[in-house]
Amino acid sequence: MIQTNIREAKAKLSAYLSQVEQGEEVMIVRRGKPVSILKPVEQSAPLPSMKHFRKKITLGGLSGSETIIRMREKSRY
């Protein structure tokens, strides 16, 4: 783990971020005490598609879009 002070971290942020992208961790210290750790983001599984979920939603037997269309038509007349 790389250890650096705040002034150096500000001056070399791009270089430190490149090292973090390669898997390295960077600890930022203030007056010798740890303040923050820069580390790579763990990749999570992508969220499932909402398309299937939306198709399952019904209001009174109608799909959500059909319900909204009917509500709009009723409010116009």
PDB file of N, CA and C in Angstrom:
ATOM      1  N   MET A   1       0.860  -1.178   0.000  1.00  0.00           N
ATOM      2  CA  MET A   1       0.000   0.000   0.000  1.00  0.00           C
ATOM      3  C   MET A   1       0.901   1.235   0.000  1.00  0.00           C
ATOM      4  N   ILE A   2       0.586   2.156  -0.880  1.00  0.00           N
ATOM      5  CA  ILE A   2       1.311   3.419  -0.964  1.00  0.00           C
ATOM      6  C   ILE A   2       0.747   4.362   0.090  1.00  0.00           C
ATOM      7  N   GLN A   3       1.630   5.095   0.758  1.00  0.00           N
ATOM      8  CA  GLN A   3       1.191   6.061   1.755  1.00  0.00           C
ATOM      9  C   GLN A   3       1.684   7.441   1.326  1.00  0.00           C
ATOM     10  N   THR A   4       0.790   8.426   1.366  1.00  0.00           N
ATOM     11  CA  THR A   4       1.147   9.772   0.936  1.00  0.00           C
ATOM     12  C   THR A   4       0.403  10.803   1.769  1.00  0.00           C
ATOM     13  N   ASN A   5       0.953  12.017   1.801  1.00  0.00           N
ATOM     14  CA  ASN A   5       0.255  13.083   2.511  1.00  0.00           C
ATOM     15  C   ASN A   5      -0.693  13.804   1.548  1.00  0.00           C
ATOM     16  N   ILE A   6      -1.518  14.686   2.084  1.00  0.00           N
ATOM     17  CA  ILE A   6      -2.552  15.339   1.281  1.00  0.00           C
ATOM     18  C   ILE A   6      -1.948  16.199   0.178  1.00  0.00           C
ATOM     19  N   ARG A   7      -0.909  16.952   0.492  1.00  0.00           N
ATOM     20  CA  ARG A   7      -0.292  17.826  -0.510  1.00  0.00           C
ATOM     21  C   ARG A   7       0.225  17.023  -1.703  1.00  0.00           C
ATOM     22  N   GLU A   8       0.928  15.941  -1.415  1.00  0.00           N
ATOM     23  CA  GLU A   8       1.462  15.098  -2.492  1.00  0.00           C
ATOM     24  C   GLU A   8       0.337  14.414  -3.262  1.00  0.00           C
ATOM     25  N   ALA A   9      -0.729  14.007  -2.565  1.00  0.00           N
ATOM     26  CA  ALA A   9      -1.866  13.358  -3.221  1.00  0.00           C
ATOM     27  C   ALA A   9      -2.522  14.318  -4.208  1.00  0.00           C
ATOM     28  N   LYS A  10      -2.663  15.591  -3.819  1.00  0.00           N
ATOM     29  CA  LYS A  10      -3.250  16.579  -4.731  1.00  0.00           C
ATOM     30  C   LYS A  10      -2.367  16.788  -5.949  1.00  0.00           C
ATOM     31  N   ALA A  11      -1.054  16.821  -5.731  1.00  0.00           N
ATOM     32  CA  ALA A  11      -0.122  17.072  -6.828  1.00  0.00           C
ATOM     33  C   ALA A  11      -0.017  15.886  -7.781  1.00  0.00           C
ATOM     34  N   LYS A  12      -0.165  14.677  -7.284  1.00  0.00           N
ATOM     35  CA  LYS A  12       0.051  13.472  -8.100  1.00  0.00           C
ATOM     36  C   LYS A  12      -1.204  12.611  -8.218  1.00  0.00           C
ATOM     37  N   LEU A  13      -2.378  13.233  -8.131  1.00  0.00           N
ATOM     38  CA  LEU A  13      -3.624  12.465  -8.133  1.00  0.00           C
ATOM     39  C   LEU A  13      -3.762  11.576  -9.370  1.00  0.00           C
ATOM     40  N   SER A  14      -3.456  12.102 -10.535  1.00  0.00           N
ATOM     41  CA  SER A  14      -3.593  11.296 -11.764  1.00  0.00           C
ATOM     42  C   SER A  14      -2.707  10.064 -11.719  1.00  0.00           C
ATOM     43  N   ALA A  15      -1.489  10.230 -11.251  1.00  0.00           N
ATOM     44  CA  ALA A  15      -0.567   9.092 -11.171  1.00  0.00           C
ATOM     45  C   ALA A  15      -1.079   8.061 -10.167  1.00  0.00           C
ATOM     46  N   TYR A  16      -1.581   8.531  -9.035  1.00  0.00           N
ATOM     47  CA  TYR A  16      -2.108   7.608  -8.032  1.00  0.00           C
ATOM     48  C   TYR A  16      -3.344   6.883  -8.551  1.00  0.00           C
ATOM     49  N   LEU A  17      -4.214   7.583  -9.276  1.00  0.00           N
ATOM     50  CA  LEU A  17      -5.400   6.924  -9.826  1.00  0.00           C
ATOM     51  C   LEU A  17      -5.018   5.850 -10.838  1.00  0.00           C
ATOM     52  N   SER A  18      -3.959   6.093 -11.597  1.00  0.00           N
ATOM     53  CA  SER A  18      -3.482   5.068 -12.535  1.00  0.00           C
ATOM     54  C   SER A  18      -3.024   3.825 -11.780  1.00  0.00           C
ATOM     55  N   GLN A  19      -2.347   4.040 -10.657  1.00  0.00           N
ATOM     56  CA  GLN A  19      -1.898   2.901  -9.855  1.00  0.00           C
ATOM     57  C   GLN A  19      -3.089   2.174  -9.230  1.00  0.00           C
ATOM     58  N   VAL A  20      -4.091   2.915  -8.815  1.00  0.00           N
ATOM     59  CA  VAL A  20      -5.295   2.298  -8.245  1.00  0.00           C
ATOM     60  C   VAL A  20      -5.994   1.456  -9.303  1.00  0.00           C
ATOM     61  N   GLU A  21      -6.045   1.942 -10.528  1.00  0.00           N
ATOM     62  CA  GLU A  21      -6.660   1.164 -11.620  1.00  0.00           C
ATOM     63  C   GLU A  21      -5.949  -0.161 -11.833  1.00  0.00           C
ATOM     64  N   GLN A  22      -4.666  -0.214 -11.486  1.00  0.00           N
ATOM     65  CA  GLN A  22      -3.895  -1.444 -11.643  1.00  0.00           C
ATOM     66  C   GLN A  22      -3.987  -2.349 -10.412  1.00  0.00           C
ATOM     67  N   GLY A  23      -4.802  -1.943  -9.420  1.00  0.00           N
ATOM     68  CA  GLY A  23      -5.026  -2.789  -8.264  1.00  0.00           C
ATOM     69  C   GLY A  23      -4.330  -2.335  -6.989  1.00  0.00           C
ATOM     70  N   GLU A  24      -3.515  -1.309  -7.049  1.00  0.00           N
ATOM     71  CA  GLU A  24      -2.795  -0.800  -5.878  1.00  0.00           C
ATOM     72  C   GLU A  24      -3.734   0.021  -4.995  1.00  0.00           C
ATOM     73  N   GLU A  25      -3.452   0.089  -3.700  1.00  0.00           N
ATOM     74  CA  GLU A  25      -4.199   0.935  -2.785  1.00  0.00           C
ATOM     75  C   GLU A  25      -3.307   2.081  -2.341  1.00  0.00           C
ATOM     76  N   VAL A  26      -3.908   3.271  -2.174  1.00  0.00           N
ATOM     77  CA  VAL A  26      -3.167   4.456  -1.760  1.00  0.00           C
ATOM     78  C   VAL A  26      -3.815   5.002  -0.496  1.00  0.00           C
ATOM     79  N   MET A  27      -3.020   5.108   0.573  1.00  0.00           N
ATOM     80  CA  MET A  27      -3.515   5.673   1.826  1.00  0.00           C
ATOM     81  C   MET A  27      -3.081   7.131   1.913  1.00  0.00           C
ATOM     82  N   ILE A  28      -4.031   8.013   2.175  1.00  0.00           N
ATOM     83  CA  ILE A  28      -3.737   9.434   2.330  1.00  0.00           C
ATOM     84  C   ILE A  28      -3.746   9.732   3.827  1.00  0.00           C
ATOM     85  N   VAL A  29      -2.659  10.353   4.296  1.00  0.00           N
ATOM     86  CA  VAL A  29      -2.531  10.643   5.718  1.00  0.00           C
ATOM     87  C   VAL A  29      -2.437  12.149   5.941  1.00  0.00           C
ATOM     88  N   ARG A  30      -2.919  12.572   7.107  1.00  0.00           N
ATOM     89  CA  ARG A  30      -2.776  13.967   7.535  1.00  0.00           C
ATOM     90  C   ARG A  30      -2.063  13.937   8.875  1.00  0.00           C
ATOM     91  N   ARG A  31      -0.901  14.564   8.904  1.00  0.00           N
ATOM     92  CA  ARG A  31      -0.069  14.583  10.123  1.00  0.00           C
ATOM     93  C   ARG A  31       0.177  13.175  10.663  1.00  0.00           C
ATOM     94  N   GLY A  32       0.406  12.249   9.741  1.00  0.00           N
ATOM     95  CA  GLY A  32       0.737  10.880  10.122  1.00  0.00           C
ATOM     96  C   GLY A  32      -0.448   9.987  10.446  1.00  0.00           C
ATOM     97  N   LYS A  33      -1.661  10.536  10.433  1.00  0.00           N
ATOM     98  CA  LYS A  33      -2.846   9.737  10.734  1.00  0.00           C
ATOM     99  C   LYS A  33      -3.626   9.455   9.449  1.00  0.00           C
ATOM    100  N   PRO A  34      -4.052   8.210   9.242  1.00  0.00           N
ATOM    101  CA  PRO A  34      -4.808   7.865   8.028  1.00  0.00           C
ATOM    102  C   PRO A  34      -6.112   8.651   7.941  1.00  0.00           C
ATOM    103  N   VAL A  35      -6.378   9.193   6.754  1.00  0.00           N
ATOM    104  CA  VAL A  35      -7.600   9.948   6.504  1.00  0.00           C
ATOM    105  C   VAL A  35      -8.475   9.224   5.493  1.00  0.00           C
ATOM    106  N   SER A  36      -7.837   8.639   4.477  1.00  0.00           N
ATOM    107  CA  SER A  36      -8.604   8.031   3.401  1.00  0.00           C
ATOM    108  C   SER A  36      -7.770   6.957   2.717  1.00  0.00           C
ATOM    109  N   ILE A  37      -8.476   6.040   2.059  1.00  0.00           N
ATOM    110  CA  ILE A  37      -7.806   5.021   1.257  1.00  0.00           C
ATOM    111  C   ILE A  37      -8.450   5.027  -0.122  1.00  0.00           C
ATOM    112  N   LEU A  38      -7.624   5.166  -1.134  1.00  0.00           N
ATOM    113  CA  LEU A  38      -8.089   5.027  -2.518  1.00  0.00           C
ATOM    114  C   LEU A  38      -7.855   3.580  -2.914  1.00  0.00           C
ATOM    115  N   LYS A  39      -8.913   2.907  -3.343  1.00  0.00           N
ATOM    116  CA  LYS A  39      -8.764   1.520  -3.762  1.00  0.00           C
ATOM    117  C   LYS A  39      -9.681   1.258  -4.943  1.00  0.00           C
ATOM    118  N   PRO A  40      -9.370   0.234  -5.732  1.00  0.00           N
ATOM    119  CA  PRO A  40     -10.185  -0.052  -6.911  1.00  0.00           C
ATOM    120  C   PRO A  40     -11.624  -0.386  -6.529  1.00  0.00           C
ATOM    121  N   VAL A  41     -12.537  -0.022  -7.393  1.00  0.00           N
ATOM    122  CA  VAL A  41     -13.949  -0.334  -7.193  1.00  0.00           C
ATOM    123  C   VAL A  41     -14.171  -1.791  -7.568  1.00  0.00           C
ATOM    124  N   GLU A  42     -14.857  -2.504  -6.695  1.00  0.00           N
ATOM    125  CA  GLU A  42     -15.182  -3.891  -6.990  1.00  0.00           C
ATOM    126  C   GLU A  42     -16.346  -3.925  -7.966  1.00  0.00           C
ATOM    127  N   GLN A  43     -16.183  -4.673  -9.031  1.00  0.00           N
ATOM    128  CA  GLN A  43     -17.229  -4.781 -10.039  1.00  0.00           C
ATOM    129  C   GLN A  43     -18.350  -5.661  -9.512  1.00  0.00           C
ATOM    130  N   SER A  44     -19.554  -5.145  -9.549  1.00  0.00           N
ATOM    131  CA  SER A  44     -20.707  -5.924  -9.088  1.00  0.00           C
ATOM    132  C   SER A  44     -21.469  -6.458 -10.298  1.00  0.00           C
ATOM    133  N   ALA A  45     -22.342  -7.383 -10.034  1.00  0.00           N
ATOM    134  CA  ALA A  45     -23.156  -7.954 -11.105  1.00  0.00           C
ATOM    135  C   ALA A  45     -24.114  -6.889 -11.629  1.00  0.00           C
ATOM    136  N   PRO A  46     -24.344  -6.856 -12.929  1.00  0.00           N
ATOM    137  CA  PRO A  46     -25.267  -5.863 -13.473  1.00  0.00           C
ATOM    138  C   PRO A  46     -26.691  -6.104 -12.982  1.00  0.00           C
ATOM    139  N   LEU A  47     -27.432  -5.041 -12.877  1.00  0.00           N
ATOM    140  CA  LEU A  47     -28.822  -5.152 -12.440  1.00  0.00           C
ATOM    141  C   LEU A  47     -29.664  -5.804 -13.527  1.00  0.00           C
ATOM    142  N   PRO A  48     -30.658  -6.589 -13.143  1.00  0.00           N
ATOM    143  CA  PRO A  48     -31.506  -7.227 -14.147  1.00  0.00           C
ATOM    144  C   PRO A  48     -32.347  -6.189 -14.890  1.00  0.00           C
ATOM    145  N   SER A  49     -32.762  -6.546 -16.075  1.00  0.00           N
ATOM    146  CA  SER A  49     -33.578  -5.656 -16.888  1.00  0.00           C
ATOM    147  C   SER A  49     -34.933  -5.429 -16.230  1.00  0.00           C
ATOM    148  N   MET A  50     -35.424  -4.218 -16.319  1.00  0.00           N
ATOM    149  CA  MET A  50     -36.722  -3.880 -15.744  1.00  0.00           C
ATOM    150  C   MET A  50     -37.870  -4.201 -16.702  1.00  0.00           C
ATOM    151  N   LYS A  51     -37.553  -4.538 -17.947  1.00  0.00           N
ATOM    152  CA  LYS A  51     -38.589  -4.789 -18.947  1.00  0.00           C
ATOM    153  C   LYS A  51     -39.521  -5.921 -18.517  1.00  0.00           C
ATOM    154  N   HIS A  52     -38.954  -7.021 -18.057  1.00  0.00           N
ATOM    155  CA  HIS A  52     -39.764  -8.164 -17.630  1.00  0.00           C
ATOM    156  C   HIS A  52     -40.627  -7.778 -16.422  1.00  0.00           C
ATOM    157  N   PHE A  53     -40.058  -7.035 -15.477  1.00  0.00           N
ATOM    158  CA  PHE A  53     -40.785  -6.605 -14.292  1.00  0.00           C
ATOM    159  C   PHE A  53     -41.968  -5.713 -14.671  1.00  0.00           C
ATOM    160  N   ARG A  54     -41.748  -4.770 -15.592  1.00  0.00           N
ATOM    161  CA  ARG A  54     -42.815  -3.856 -16.001  1.00  0.00           C
ATOM    162  C   ARG A  54     -43.967  -4.589 -16.663  1.00  0.00           C
ATOM    163  N   LYS A  55     -43.671  -5.633 -17.429  1.00  0.00           N
ATOM    164  CA  LYS A  55     -44.726  -6.375 -18.113  1.00  0.00           C
ATOM    165  C   LYS A  55     -45.621  -7.119 -17.128  1.00  0.00           C
ATOM    166  N   LYS A  56     -45.087  -7.471 -15.957  1.00  0.00           N
ATOM    167  CA  LYS A  56     -45.867  -8.213 -14.974  1.00  0.00           C
ATOM    168  C   LYS A  56     -46.821  -7.315 -14.189  1.00  0.00           C
ATOM    169  N   ILE A  57     -46.600  -6.030 -14.178  1.00  0.00           N
ATOM    170  CA  ILE A  57     -47.438  -5.119 -13.391  1.00  0.00           C
ATOM    171  C   ILE A  57     -48.760  -4.891 -14.117  1.00  0.00           C
ATOM    172  N   THR A  58     -49.851  -5.125 -13.410  1.00  0.00           N
ATOM    173  CA  THR A  58     -51.175  -4.860 -13.975  1.00  0.00           C
ATOM    174  C   THR A  58     -52.014  -4.121 -12.940  1.00  0.00           C
ATOM    175  N   LEU A  59     -52.913  -3.290 -13.416  1.00  0.00           N
ATOM    176  CA  LEU A  59     -53.827  -2.550 -12.553  1.00  0.00           C
ATOM    177  C   LEU A  59     -55.241  -2.869 -13.021  1.00  0.00           C
ATOM    178  N   GLY A  60     -55.920  -3.658 -12.267  1.00  0.00           N
ATOM    179  CA  GLY A  60     -57.278  -4.031 -12.645  1.00  0.00           C
ATOM    180  C   GLY A  60     -57.316  -4.848 -13.923  1.00  0.00           C
ATOM    181  N   GLY A  61     -56.300  -5.659 -14.159  1.00  0.00           N
ATOM    182  CA  GLY A  61     -56.268  -6.505 -15.343  1.00  0.00           C
ATOM    183  C   GLY A  61     -55.635  -5.844 -16.560  1.00  0.00           C
ATOM    184  N   LEU A  62     -55.374  -4.543 -16.494  1.00  0.00           N
ATOM    185  CA  LEU A  62     -54.747  -3.831 -17.605  1.00  0.00           C
ATOM    186  C   LEU A  62     -53.283  -3.552 -17.297  1.00  0.00           C
ATOM    187  N   SER A  63     -52.488  -3.397 -18.350  1.00  0.00           N
ATOM    188  CA  SER A  63     -51.094  -3.036 -18.129  1.00  0.00           C
ATOM    189  C   SER A  63     -51.022  -1.591 -17.641  1.00  0.00           C
ATOM    190  N   GLY A  64     -49.894  -1.214 -17.105  1.00  0.00           N
ATOM    191  CA  GLY A  64     -49.728   0.141 -16.596  1.00  0.00           C
ATOM    192  C   GLY A  64     -49.939   1.195 -17.658  1.00  0.00           C
ATOM    193  N   SER A  65     -49.391   0.976 -18.854  1.00  0.00           N
ATOM    194  CA  SER A  65     -49.548   1.972 -19.916  1.00  0.00           C
ATOM    195  C   SER A  65     -51.000   2.076 -20.370  1.00  0.00           C
ATOM    196  N   GLU A  66     -51.708   0.941 -20.458  1.00  0.00           N
ATOM    197  CA  GLU A  66     -53.120   0.973 -20.848  1.00  0.00           C
ATOM    198  C   GLU A  66     -53.962   1.706 -19.810  1.00  0.00           C
ATOM    199  N   THR A  67     -53.647   1.493 -18.537  1.00  0.00           N
ATOM    200  CA  THR A  67     -54.368   2.175 -17.456  1.00  0.00           C
ATOM    201  C   THR A  67     -54.170   3.680 -17.558  1.00  0.00           C
ATOM    202  N   ILE A  68     -52.944   4.118 -17.776  1.00  0.00           N
ATOM    203  CA  ILE A  68     -52.651   5.552 -17.875  1.00  0.00           C
ATOM    204  C   ILE A  68     -53.358   6.163 -19.076  1.00  0.00           C
ATOM    205  N   ILE A  69     -53.331   5.474 -20.211  1.00  0.00           N
ATOM    206  CA  ILE A  69     -54.005   5.980 -21.412  1.00  0.00           C
ATOM    207  C   ILE A  69     -55.502   6.148 -21.145  1.00  0.00           C
ATOM    208  N   ARG A  70     -56.115   5.164 -20.511  1.00  0.00           N
ATOM    209  CA  ARG A  70     -57.554   5.261 -20.204  1.00  0.00           C
ATOM    210  C   ARG A  70     -57.850   6.383 -19.215  1.00  0.00           C
ATOM    211  N   MET A  71     -56.987   6.565 -18.225  1.00  0.00           N
ATOM    212  CA  MET A  71     -57.178   7.645 -17.252  1.00  0.00           C
ATOM    213  C   MET A  71     -57.092   9.007 -17.941  1.00  0.00           C
ATOM    214  N   ARG A  72     -56.161   9.131 -18.872  1.00  0.00           N
ATOM    215  CA  ARG A  72     -56.020  10.389 -19.599  1.00  0.00           C
ATOM    216  C   ARG A  72     -57.248  10.657 -20.460  1.00  0.00           C
ATOM    217  N   GLU A  73     -57.750   9.624 -21.131  1.00  0.00           N
ATOM    218  CA  GLU A  73     -58.918   9.785 -21.976  1.00  0.00           C
ATOM    219  C   GLU A  73     -60.144  10.193 -21.154  1.00  0.00           C
ATOM    220  N   LYS A  74     -60.288   9.606 -19.974  1.00  0.00           N
ATOM    221  CA  LYS A  74     -61.436   9.929 -19.118  1.00  0.00           C
ATOM    222  C   LYS A  74     -61.343  11.363 -18.616  1.00  0.00           C
ATOM    223  N   SER A  75     -60.156  11.839 -18.329  1.00  0.00           N
ATOM    224  CA  SER A  75     -60.043  13.202 -17.775  1.00  0.00           C
ATOM    225  C   SER A  75     -60.228  14.264 -18.854  1.00  0.00           C
ATOM    226  N   ARG A  76     -60.067  13.911 -20.102  1.00  0.00           N
ATOM    227  CA  ARG A  76     -60.239  14.890 -21.195  1.00  0.00           C
ATOM    228  C   ARG A  76     -61.705  15.193 -21.456  1.00  0.00           C
ATOM    229  N   TYR A  77     -62.560  14.236 -21.261  1.00  0.00           N
ATOM    230  CA  TYR A  77     -63.970  14.382 -21.682  1.00  0.00           C
ATOM    231  C   TYR A  77     -64.895  14.443 -20.530  1.00  0.00           C
TER     232      TYR A  77
END
